[in-house]
Amino acid sequence: MTTSDLKILSMNEINENLSRTSDWIVEDNGKSIIKNFDFSSFNGAVEFINEVAKVAEFEGHHPDLRLYGYKNVEVKLTTHAVSGLTQKDFDVAFGVDGIGWKE
């Protein structure tokens, strides 16, 4: 990981990256982004989590994942080391958006 990977993004940079994502929202006063996914089954939600894990491992940056209501998944991204959003968070978000999940 390079120093630029750990640079906290400005609000302009956050908004620019958000414009390239699908339905992610900023939370925690600009320190994280979050997106919720709804599936028709528990198995679909778990399979999606496994796909997110592959993206996270590839990017070397791991989201907080929450399975709730048995078929819903929340993906939350932040860079804990700097207590804010970095480009790594958006790289994972782009990868998650690219999963193209269809259940």
Protein backbone atom coordinates (compact mmCIF):
# COMPACT_ATOMS: atom_id res chain seq x y z
CA MET A 1 0.00 0.00 0.00
CA THR A 2 1.40 3.39 -0.94
CA THR A 3 1.12 6.69 0.91
CA SER A 4 -1.38 7.93 -1.69
CA ASP A 5 -3.63 4.96 -0.83
CA LEU A 6 -3.89 6.33 2.71
CA LYS A 7 -4.56 9.96 1.79
CA ILE A 8 -7.92 11.06 3.16
CA LEU A 9 -10.06 12.26 0.27
CA SER A 10 -11.50 15.77 0.18
CA MET A 11 -15.26 16.18 -0.09
CA ASN A 12 -14.80 17.10 -3.77
CA GLU A 13 -12.85 13.87 -4.36
CA ILE A 14 -15.48 11.89 -2.45
CA ASN A 15 -18.28 13.39 -4.56
CA GLU A 16 -16.35 12.73 -7.77
CA ASN A 17 -15.90 9.07 -6.81
CA LEU A 18 -19.54 8.79 -5.69
CA SER A 19 -20.66 9.94 -9.14
CA ARG A 20 -18.95 6.82 -10.53
CA THR A 21 -20.70 4.42 -8.13
CA SER A 22 -24.21 3.09 -7.89
CA ASP A 23 -26.27 3.99 -4.79
CA TRP A 24 -23.46 4.35 -2.26
CA ILE A 25 -24.08 7.01 0.38
CA VAL A 26 -21.72 8.92 2.64
CA GLU A 27 -22.03 8.42 6.38
CA ASP A 28 -20.19 9.38 9.55
CA ASN A 29 -19.54 12.97 8.42
CA GLY A 30 -17.66 11.86 5.31
CA LYS A 31 -15.67 9.10 7.02
CA SER A 32 -17.41 6.12 5.41
CA ILE A 33 -19.61 5.00 2.55
CA ILE A 34 -22.36 2.43 2.79
CA LYS A 35 -24.63 0.46 0.50
CA ASN A 36 -27.39 -2.04 1.24
CA PHE A 37 -28.26 -5.02 -0.94
CA ASP A 38 -31.50 -7.01 -0.78
CA PHE A 39 -31.76 -10.62 -1.93
CA SER A 40 -34.61 -13.07 -2.22
CA SER A 41 -32.93 -15.68 -0.04
CA PHE A 42 -30.39 -16.27 2.69
CA ASN A 43 -28.22 -18.28 0.29
CA GLY A 44 -28.19 -15.44 -2.22
CA ALA A 45 -27.04 -13.00 0.45
CA VAL A 46 -24.28 -15.35 1.63
CA GLU A 47 -23.09 -16.02 -1.92
CA PHE A 48 -22.92 -12.26 -2.48
CA ILE A 49 -20.83 -11.84 0.67
CA ASN A 50 -18.42 -14.43 -0.70
CA GLU A 51 -18.11 -12.44 -3.95
CA VAL A 52 -17.48 -9.24 -1.96
CA ALA A 53 -14.74 -11.12 -0.08
CA LYS A 54 -13.02 -11.91 -3.38
CA VAL A 55 -13.07 -8.22 -4.36
CA ALA A 56 -11.74 -7.23 -0.94
CA GLU A 57 -8.90 -9.74 -1.10
CA PHE A 58 -7.98 -8.63 -4.61
CA GLU A 59 -7.90 -4.97 -3.51
CA GLY A 60 -6.21 -5.72 -0.19
CA HIS A 61 -8.84 -3.63 1.60
CA HIS A 62 -11.69 -5.07 3.59
CA PRO A 63 -15.19 -3.70 4.23
CA ASP A 64 -17.38 -4.14 7.24
CA LEU A 65 -20.11 -6.59 6.21
CA ARG A 66 -23.41 -7.11 7.97
CA LEU A 67 -25.99 -9.75 7.14
CA TYR A 68 -29.36 -8.74 8.57
CA GLY A 69 -32.99 -9.73 8.17
CA TYR A 70 -31.62 -13.07 6.85
CA LYS A 71 -31.43 -11.82 3.24
CA ASN A 72 -30.02 -8.30 3.37
CA VAL A 73 -26.37 -7.26 3.26
CA GLU A 74 -24.84 -3.97 4.32
CA VAL A 75 -21.39 -3.12 2.96
CA LYS A 76 -19.59 -0.30 4.77
CA LEU A 77 -16.23 1.06 3.71
CA THR A 78 -13.76 3.25 5.57
CA THR A 79 -10.02 3.24 6.03
CA HIS A 80 -9.64 2.57 9.73
CA ALA A 81 -5.92 3.46 9.73
CA VAL A 82 -6.72 7.10 8.90
CA SER A 83 -10.31 7.31 10.20
CA GLY A 84 -11.66 8.43 6.85
CA LEU A 85 -12.26 7.68 3.20
CA THR A 86 -9.37 6.94 0.88
CA GLN A 87 -9.19 5.86 -2.73
CA LYS A 88 -8.95 2.24 -1.53
CA ASP A 89 -12.52 2.48 -0.21
CA PHE A 90 -13.81 3.55 -3.60
CA ASP A 91 -11.72 0.94 -5.40
CA VAL A 92 -13.55 -1.71 -3.37
CA ALA A 93 -16.91 0.01 -3.96
CA PHE A 94 -16.26 -0.02 -7.72
CA GLY A 95 -15.39 -3.71 -7.50
CA VAL A 96 -18.54 -4.49 -5.52
CA ASP A 97 -20.62 -2.57 -8.06
CA GLY A 98 -18.93 -4.63 -10.78
CA ILE A 99 -20.02 -7.94 -9.29
CA GLY A 100 -23.21 -7.57 -11.33
CA TRP A 101 -25.10 -9.75 -8.92
CA LYS A 102 -28.28 -11.21 -10.24
CA GLU A 103 -30.24 -13.63 -8.10
